[in-house]
């Protein structure tokens, strides 16, 4: 059983802190190599940021060296990139037999490794483990140890931004819009000005600090901020998104799709969008995959009455054939555009997160929007 570490790990002397990580790694490696001697050495390469080296001599096999970097307050942004794909390994070969004599791998160690940190470690070519015994340690062709599910023995409190709020969504939309993929935000004020309808600079700073720490944003100094992987950031937003906090009305109307499109044009004068196809109905027009008999619309709060009158609809408790989502702010309808003269649809980003959480076959419909609309748009625009 894992017992929680009562002492703040940051208050431990460096040597004692390193001993905790050594003991945990010894237990992990002993399970795989029960008859092998495991040695620990002080780092011979401090310039690489390595804290210690674990050495294992495999019976009738090569010598394994694990170069371990320990972080007591880990962040995904602390995981350095490797030029070597997958698990970075340096190998020495016997010149005669070509057999591996020594294999060296890099390992990231922390008291607690979040799913996001684990993902970043592996993507950037690092094995990892935490003090609870969760790990993913790999040496190509020689070792693969993957263990998850142990409860953390050490957590730390740190302020995290809530990506599920409507205000955070404004910042995320600005960062994720395909037309912004090539943008490097020189300052956070520039990013603030790109949000619709706008959020405080303090909130932008909080979101940016969080996303940078989680490894979603890169800071290139004078060139500013850029999104590293828009799809992974979208998935993080999707998982935090609170669809249940978007007000919703259930209506019944005798109008069919062409009549609804006509009514929408009456509510949307000129280039203004006060009502748009949303969720399943938007996905059906942006990336046809799932058909639904129910219509889905999104409208600004101040235009709900006008929309209801134009659609000749009435609220019902059962038997509705139209779901109206009421946008909490102008950002939800920002970027809504015409889809093949079928009326305006919410931006594919908004369509994706709404449809994913709408139930039924929503996730299947959302994946189609991601595959056919968002990925190609991001890929088309290259980052300078």
Protein backbone atom coordinates (compact mmCIF):
# COMPACT_ATOMS: atom_id res chain seq x y z
CA UNK A 1 0.00 0.00 0.00
CA UNK A 2 1.26 3.47 -0.85
CA UNK A 3 1.39 5.83 2.10
CA UNK A 4 1.17 9.56 1.59
CA UNK A 5 4.36 11.48 2.16
CA UNK A 6 3.56 13.91 4.96
CA UNK A 7 6.62 16.12 4.56
CA UNK A 8 6.68 18.78 1.89
CA UNK A 9 9.19 17.27 -0.52
CA UNK A 10 10.63 20.71 -1.30
CA UNK A 11 11.79 20.98 2.31
CA UNK A 12 13.86 17.81 2.16
CA UNK A 13 17.62 18.10 1.61
CA UNK A 14 18.54 17.42 -2.05
CA UNK A 15 20.30 14.17 -1.17
CA UNK A 16 17.32 12.83 0.79
CA UNK A 17 14.95 13.91 -1.97
CA UNK A 18 17.05 12.07 -4.55
CA UNK A 19 17.05 9.01 -2.28
CA UNK A 20 13.24 8.84 -2.48
CA UNK A 21 13.41 8.67 -6.26
CA UNK A 22 16.26 6.15 -6.20
CA UNK A 23 14.35 3.84 -3.86
CA UNK A 24 11.26 3.94 -6.06
CA UNK A 25 13.21 3.29 -9.25
CA UNK A 26 15.04 0.43 -7.55
CA UNK A 27 11.70 -1.22 -6.71
CA UNK A 28 10.45 -0.82 -10.27
CA UNK A 29 13.59 -2.21 -11.89
CA UNK A 30 13.89 -5.04 -9.35
CA UNK A 31 10.55 -6.41 -10.50
CA UNK A 32 11.87 -6.71 -14.05
CA UNK A 33 15.45 -7.68 -13.19
CA UNK A 34 15.15 -9.51 -9.84
CA UNK A 35 18.60 -11.11 -10.12
CA UNK A 36 20.49 -8.09 -11.37
CA UNK A 37 22.51 -5.65 -9.32
CA UNK A 38 21.20 -2.10 -9.50
CA UNK A 39 23.72 0.65 -8.87
CA UNK A 40 23.20 4.37 -8.48
CA UNK A 41 25.79 6.99 -9.32
CA UNK A 42 25.91 10.73 -8.92
CA UNK A 43 25.39 12.38 -12.25
CA UNK A 44 28.50 12.45 -14.43
CA UNK A 45 26.80 14.96 -16.69
CA UNK A 46 25.37 17.83 -14.66
CA UNK A 47 25.33 20.00 -17.77
CA UNK A 48 22.58 17.71 -19.11
CA UNK A 49 20.44 18.40 -16.06
CA UNK A 50 20.69 14.78 -14.86
CA UNK A 51 20.37 14.19 -11.09
CA UNK A 52 21.56 10.60 -10.91
CA UNK A 53 22.25 7.51 -13.01
CA UNK A 54 20.79 4.05 -12.39
CA UNK A 55 22.79 1.16 -13.83
CA UNK A 56 21.57 -2.40 -14.40
CA UNK A 57 23.62 -5.24 -15.84
CA UNK A 58 21.21 -7.57 -17.62
CA UNK A 59 22.24 -11.25 -17.27
CA UNK A 60 23.79 -12.33 -20.57
CA UNK A 61 22.77 -8.96 -21.93
CA UNK A 62 23.76 -5.32 -22.17
CA UNK A 63 24.34 -2.78 -19.46
CA UNK A 64 21.39 -0.43 -19.04
CA UNK A 65 21.90 3.13 -17.88
CA UNK A 66 18.99 5.34 -16.89
CA UNK A 67 19.80 9.04 -16.72
CA UNK A 68 17.24 10.44 -14.31
CA UNK A 69 16.12 14.05 -14.00
CA UNK A 70 14.05 14.78 -10.89
CA UNK A 71 11.55 17.60 -10.42
CA UNK A 72 9.76 18.19 -7.14
CA UNK A 73 7.32 20.67 -8.73
CA UNK A 74 7.00 19.24 -12.25
CA UNK A 75 5.45 20.98 -15.23
CA UNK A 76 5.10 19.62 -18.76
CA UNK A 77 7.01 22.67 -19.99
CA UNK A 78 10.07 21.39 -18.06
CA UNK A 79 10.33 18.30 -20.26
CA UNK A 80 12.99 19.05 -22.81
CA UNK A 81 12.68 18.00 -26.42
CA UNK A 82 14.86 15.21 -27.74
CA UNK A 83 16.21 15.01 -31.26
CA UNK A 84 15.71 11.26 -31.11
CA UNK A 85 12.19 9.91 -31.73
CA UNK A 86 10.40 7.68 -29.20
CA UNK A 87 12.60 6.81 -26.22
CA UNK A 88 16.01 8.48 -26.62
CA UNK A 89 18.63 5.78 -26.32
CA UNK A 90 22.38 5.82 -26.84
CA UNK A 91 23.76 2.37 -27.64
CA UNK A 92 27.26 0.92 -27.73
CA UNK A 93 27.72 -2.11 -29.99
CA UNK A 94 30.29 -4.86 -30.00
CA UNK A 95 32.21 -4.33 -33.22
CA UNK A 96 32.49 -8.07 -33.86
CA UNK A 97 29.07 -9.39 -32.88
CA UNK A 98 27.14 -6.12 -33.31
CA UNK A 99 25.34 -6.98 -30.06
CA UNK A 100 24.27 -4.14 -27.80
CA UNK A 101 26.75 -3.71 -24.97
CA UNK A 102 25.29 -0.61 -23.36
CA UNK A 103 21.98 1.17 -23.71
CA UNK A 104 21.39 4.57 -22.16
CA UNK A 105 17.92 6.13 -21.70
CA UNK A 106 16.58 9.35 -20.24
CA UNK A 107 13.96 9.28 -17.47
CA UNK A 108 11.83 12.07 -15.96
CA UNK A 109 10.95 11.57 -12.28
CA UNK A 110 8.47 13.49 -10.14
CA UNK A 111 6.43 13.01 -6.95
CA UNK A 112 3.25 13.01 -9.03
CA UNK A 113 2.91 12.70 -12.82
CA UNK A 114 -0.36 13.94 -14.28
CA UNK A 115 -1.79 12.39 -17.46
CA UNK A 116 -0.75 15.49 -19.38
CA UNK A 117 2.81 15.34 -18.03
CA UNK A 118 3.02 11.63 -18.87
CA UNK A 119 1.85 12.34 -22.40
CA UNK A 120 4.40 15.11 -22.90
CA UNK A 121 7.24 12.98 -21.53
CA UNK A 122 6.56 10.14 -23.94
CA UNK A 123 5.91 12.44 -26.91
CA UNK A 124 9.22 14.19 -26.31
CA UNK A 125 11.15 10.96 -25.90
CA UNK A 126 11.37 10.49 -22.14
CA UNK A 127 10.47 7.57 -19.93
CA UNK A 128 8.91 8.60 -16.60
CA UNK A 129 7.95 7.42 -13.13
CA UNK A 130 6.49 8.89 -9.96
CA UNK A 131 6.77 8.14 -6.26
CA UNK A 132 3.53 6.14 -6.30
CA UNK A 133 5.05 3.61 -8.69
CA UNK A 134 3.19 4.73 -11.80
CA UNK A 135 5.58 4.63 -14.73
CA UNK A 136 6.24 4.18 -18.40
CA UNK A 137 9.84 3.15 -18.89
CA UNK A 138 11.09 1.89 -22.21
CA UNK A 139 14.33 0.73 -23.75
CA UNK A 140 13.65 -0.30 -27.36
CA UNK A 141 14.00 -4.04 -27.81
CA UNK A 142 14.98 -4.60 -24.17
CA UNK A 143 12.43 -3.23 -21.72
CA UNK A 144 8.91 -1.83 -21.59
CA UNK A 145 7.32 -1.20 -18.20
CA UNK A 146 3.93 0.52 -18.10
CA UNK A 147 2.02 0.91 -14.85
CA UNK A 148 -0.86 3.26 -14.02
CA UNK A 149 -3.58 3.50 -11.43
CA UNK A 150 -1.61 3.85 -8.18
CA UNK A 151 -2.95 6.67 -6.05
CA UNK A 152 -0.55 9.63 -5.73
CA UNK A 153 1.57 9.61 -2.59
CA UNK A 154 2.39 13.27 -2.97
CA UNK A 155 0.48 16.16 -4.46
CA UNK A 156 1.09 19.84 -4.34
CA UNK A 157 -1.31 22.74 -4.40
CA UNK A 158 -0.89 25.15 -7.23
CA UNK A 159 -3.40 27.49 -8.86
CA UNK A 160 -4.64 26.08 -12.13
CA UNK A 161 -6.74 27.89 -14.68
CA UNK A 162 -10.22 26.49 -15.22
CA UNK A 163 -10.49 25.85 -18.96
CA UNK A 164 -14.18 25.07 -18.58
CA UNK A 165 -15.37 28.64 -18.01
CA UNK A 166 -16.96 30.80 -20.68
CA UNK A 167 -14.21 33.39 -20.22
CA UNK A 168 -11.44 30.82 -20.73
CA UNK A 169 -13.25 29.62 -23.85
CA UNK A 170 -12.78 33.06 -25.40
CA UNK A 171 -9.01 32.82 -25.05
CA UNK A 172 -8.97 29.22 -26.30
CA UNK A 173 -11.02 30.07 -29.39
CA UNK A 174 -8.57 32.84 -30.26
CA UNK A 175 -5.63 30.46 -29.90
CA UNK A 176 -7.25 27.58 -31.78
CA UNK A 177 -8.85 29.25 -34.77
CA UNK A 178 -7.09 27.85 -37.86
CA UNK A 179 -6.69 31.35 -39.26
CA UNK A 180 -4.62 32.18 -36.16
CA UNK A 181 -2.32 29.14 -36.41
CA UNK A 182 0.46 31.15 -38.02
CA UNK A 183 0.12 33.96 -35.48
CA UNK A 184 2.79 34.50 -32.85
CA UNK A 185 1.28 36.57 -30.08
CA UNK A 186 3.97 39.13 -29.32
CA UNK A 187 2.22 40.16 -26.13
CA UNK A 188 -0.66 38.93 -24.04
CA UNK A 189 -2.43 42.18 -24.79
CA UNK A 190 -2.45 41.19 -28.47
CA UNK A 191 -4.13 37.93 -27.50
CA UNK A 192 -6.60 39.79 -25.31
CA UNK A 193 -7.61 42.00 -28.24
CA UNK A 194 -8.27 38.91 -30.36
CA UNK A 195 -10.84 37.52 -27.91
CA UNK A 196 -14.54 38.06 -28.50
CA UNK A 197 -16.17 39.87 -26.79
CA UNK A 198 -13.00 40.40 -24.75
CA UNK A 199 -11.70 39.33 -21.36
CA UNK A 200 -9.50 40.96 -18.76
CA UNK A 201 -5.75 41.00 -19.22
CA UNK A 202 -5.43 39.30 -15.83
CA UNK A 203 -7.47 36.32 -17.00
CA UNK A 204 -5.48 36.11 -20.23
CA UNK A 205 -2.30 36.04 -18.15
CA UNK A 206 -3.69 33.27 -15.95
CA UNK A 207 -4.74 31.14 -18.94
CA UNK A 208 -1.45 31.70 -20.76
CA UNK A 209 0.61 30.86 -17.67
CA UNK A 210 -1.34 27.64 -17.22
CA UNK A 211 -1.13 26.60 -20.88
CA UNK A 212 2.56 27.39 -21.03
CA UNK A 213 3.19 25.33 -17.90
CA UNK A 214 1.20 22.43 -19.35
CA UNK A 215 3.26 22.51 -22.53
CA UNK A 216 0.50 23.69 -24.88
CA UNK A 217 2.14 27.05 -25.61
CA UNK A 218 5.72 27.86 -26.49
CA UNK A 219 7.30 31.19 -25.64
CA UNK A 220 9.84 32.18 -28.26
CA UNK A 221 11.00 35.27 -26.46
CA UNK A 222 10.76 38.33 -28.65
CA UNK A 223 8.72 36.40 -31.24
CA UNK A 224 5.97 35.79 -28.70
CA UNK A 225 3.66 32.89 -27.94
CA UNK A 226 2.52 30.16 -30.29
CA UNK A 227 0.40 27.04 -29.94
CA UNK A 228 2.55 23.90 -30.08
CA UNK A 229 -0.16 21.38 -30.99
CA UNK A 230 -3.64 22.84 -31.61
CA UNK A 231 -5.38 19.46 -31.65
CA UNK A 232 -4.13 18.49 -28.20
CA UNK A 233 -5.11 21.89 -26.86
CA UNK A 234 -8.57 21.42 -28.38
CA UNK A 235 -8.89 18.05 -26.63
CA UNK A 236 -7.95 19.67 -23.32
CA UNK A 237 -10.64 22.30 -23.84
CA UNK A 238 -13.13 19.64 -24.88
CA UNK A 239 -12.54 17.65 -21.70
CA UNK A 240 -12.96 20.75 -19.52
CA UNK A 241 -15.89 22.21 -21.48
CA UNK A 242 -19.17 22.46 -19.53
CA UNK A 243 -21.93 21.89 -22.07
CA UNK A 244 -24.37 21.50 -19.18
CA UNK A 245 -23.83 25.18 -18.33
CA UNK A 246 -25.04 26.35 -21.73
CA UNK A 247 -28.73 27.29 -21.24
CA UNK A 248 -31.05 25.27 -23.43
CA UNK A 249 -34.71 25.46 -24.43
CA UNK A 250 -36.76 22.67 -25.96
CA UNK A 251 -39.24 23.81 -28.62
CA UNK A 252 -41.63 22.39 -31.13
CA UNK A 253 -42.07 23.85 -34.60
CA UNK A 254 -43.93 22.75 -37.72
CA UNK A 255 -41.28 24.35 -39.93
CA UNK A 256 -38.89 22.20 -41.95
CA UNK A 257 -35.19 22.89 -42.63
CA UNK A 258 -35.71 25.23 -45.66
CA UNK A 259 -38.30 27.25 -43.73
CA UNK A 260 -35.99 27.43 -40.70
CA UNK A 261 -33.18 28.70 -42.92
CA UNK A 262 -35.49 31.39 -44.25
CA UNK A 263 -36.49 32.39 -40.73
CA UNK A 264 -32.82 32.54 -39.70
CA UNK A 265 -32.11 35.01 -42.51
CA UNK A 266 -34.87 37.23 -41.14
CA UNK A 267 -33.25 37.22 -37.69
CA UNK A 268 -29.72 37.75 -39.06
CA UNK A 269 -29.67 41.12 -40.83
CA UNK A 270 -26.67 41.80 -43.04
CA UNK A 271 -23.52 40.11 -41.79
CA UNK A 272 -24.66 39.89 -38.17
CA UNK A 273 -25.29 36.43 -36.74
CA UNK A 274 -27.82 36.25 -33.94
CA UNK A 275 -28.84 32.64 -34.56
CA UNK A 276 -26.96 29.77 -36.20
CA UNK A 277 -27.14 26.04 -36.70
CA UNK A 278 -25.38 24.37 -33.77
CA UNK A 279 -24.28 20.98 -32.41
CA UNK A 280 -25.68 18.10 -34.53
CA UNK A 281 -27.28 20.41 -37.12
CA UNK A 282 -24.04 22.35 -37.62
CA UNK A 283 -22.00 19.15 -37.76
CA UNK A 284 -24.39 17.72 -40.36
CA UNK A 285 -23.67 20.70 -42.61
CA UNK A 286 -19.94 21.00 -41.91
CA UNK A 287 -19.00 17.29 -41.99
CA UNK A 288 -22.01 15.05 -42.70
CA UNK A 289 -21.83 11.87 -40.66
CA UNK A 290 -24.78 11.61 -38.27
CA UNK A 291 -28.36 12.50 -39.11
CA UNK A 292 -30.84 13.60 -36.48
CA UNK A 293 -34.53 14.36 -36.76
CA UNK A 294 -34.10 17.09 -34.16
CA UNK A 295 -32.96 20.58 -35.16
CA UNK A 296 -30.25 22.32 -33.13
CA UNK A 297 -29.76 26.08 -33.09
CA UNK A 298 -27.77 28.56 -31.02
CA UNK A 299 -28.95 32.12 -30.45
CA UNK A 300 -27.83 35.13 -28.47
CA UNK A 301 -29.89 35.65 -25.33
CA UNK A 302 -31.36 38.98 -26.41
CA UNK A 303 -32.70 37.45 -29.64
CA UNK A 304 -34.39 34.35 -28.21
CA UNK A 305 -37.88 35.87 -28.44
CA UNK A 306 -37.30 37.02 -32.00
CA UNK A 307 -36.08 33.55 -32.98
CA UNK A 308 -39.07 31.87 -31.37
CA UNK A 309 -41.49 34.13 -33.25
CA UNK A 310 -39.68 33.65 -36.57
CA UNK A 311 -39.78 29.87 -36.15
CA UNK A 312 -43.39 29.91 -34.94
CA UNK A 313 -42.18 27.65 -32.15
CA UNK A 314 -43.49 27.00 -28.68
CA UNK A 315 -41.74 25.62 -25.58
CA UNK A 316 -42.70 22.05 -24.71
CA UNK A 317 -41.74 19.68 -21.92
CA UNK A 318 -41.92 16.57 -24.11
CA UNK A 319 -41.95 15.88 -27.82
CA UNK A 320 -39.64 18.73 -28.82
CA UNK A 321 -38.08 18.70 -32.28
CA UNK A 322 -35.84 21.75 -31.85
CA UNK A 323 -33.19 22.41 -29.22
CA UNK A 324 -32.14 26.04 -28.82
CA UNK A 325 -28.80 26.66 -27.14
CA UNK A 326 -28.55 30.14 -25.63
CA UNK A 327 -25.04 31.56 -26.03
CA UNK A 328 -23.64 32.70 -22.64
CA UNK A 329 -21.68 35.43 -24.44
CA UNK A 330 -20.85 36.66 -27.93
CA UNK A 331 -17.85 34.36 -28.21
CA UNK A 332 -20.07 31.32 -28.75
CA UNK A 333 -21.37 32.73 -32.04
CA UNK A 334 -18.10 34.42 -33.01
CA UNK A 335 -16.83 33.07 -36.31
CA UNK A 336 -20.19 31.58 -37.29
CA UNK A 337 -20.34 31.37 -41.06
CA UNK A 338 -22.54 30.37 -43.96
CA UNK A 339 -22.34 26.74 -45.01
CA UNK A 340 -23.24 26.23 -48.69
CA UNK A 341 -26.22 28.58 -48.46
CA UNK A 342 -27.71 26.40 -45.73
CA UNK A 343 -27.59 29.19 -43.20
CA UNK A 344 -24.84 30.13 -40.74
CA UNK A 345 -23.30 27.45 -38.53
CA UNK A 346 -21.30 27.87 -35.36
CA UNK A 347 -17.55 27.87 -35.91
CA UNK A 348 -16.23 24.29 -36.32
CA UNK A 349 -14.40 24.65 -32.98
CA UNK A 350 -17.69 25.42 -31.21
CA UNK A 351 -19.51 22.75 -33.19
CA UNK A 352 -16.91 20.20 -32.11
CA UNK A 353 -17.08 20.80 -28.36
CA UNK A 354 -20.87 21.15 -28.29
CA UNK A 355 -21.55 18.05 -30.36
CA UNK A 356 -19.04 15.96 -28.39
CA UNK A 357 -21.06 16.56 -25.21
CA UNK A 358 -24.55 16.51 -26.77
CA UNK A 359 -25.11 12.78 -26.20
CA UNK A 360 -26.27 10.14 -28.64
CA UNK A 361 -23.82 9.81 -31.51
CA UNK A 362 -22.37 13.22 -30.73
CA UNK A 363 -18.80 12.03 -30.34
CA UNK A 364 -18.92 10.36 -33.74
CA UNK A 365 -20.26 13.55 -35.31
CA UNK A 366 -17.65 15.65 -33.51
CA UNK A 367 -14.82 13.42 -34.75
CA UNK A 368 -16.01 13.98 -38.31
CA UNK A 369 -15.79 17.76 -37.80
CA UNK A 370 -12.27 17.38 -36.42
CA UNK A 371 -11.17 15.09 -39.23
CA UNK A 372 -12.71 16.95 -42.17
CA UNK A 373 -12.69 20.58 -41.12
CA UNK A 374 -10.25 21.39 -38.33
CA UNK A 375 -7.25 19.15 -39.07
CA UNK A 376 -7.11 20.15 -42.78
CA UNK A 377 -7.47 23.84 -41.86
CA UNK A 378 -4.64 23.66 -39.31
CA UNK A 379 -2.46 21.69 -41.70
CA UNK A 380 -3.05 24.13 -44.54
CA UNK A 381 -1.69 27.06 -42.55
CA UNK A 382 1.99 26.67 -41.75
CA UNK A 383 3.64 28.34 -38.80
CA UNK A 384 6.46 30.75 -39.81
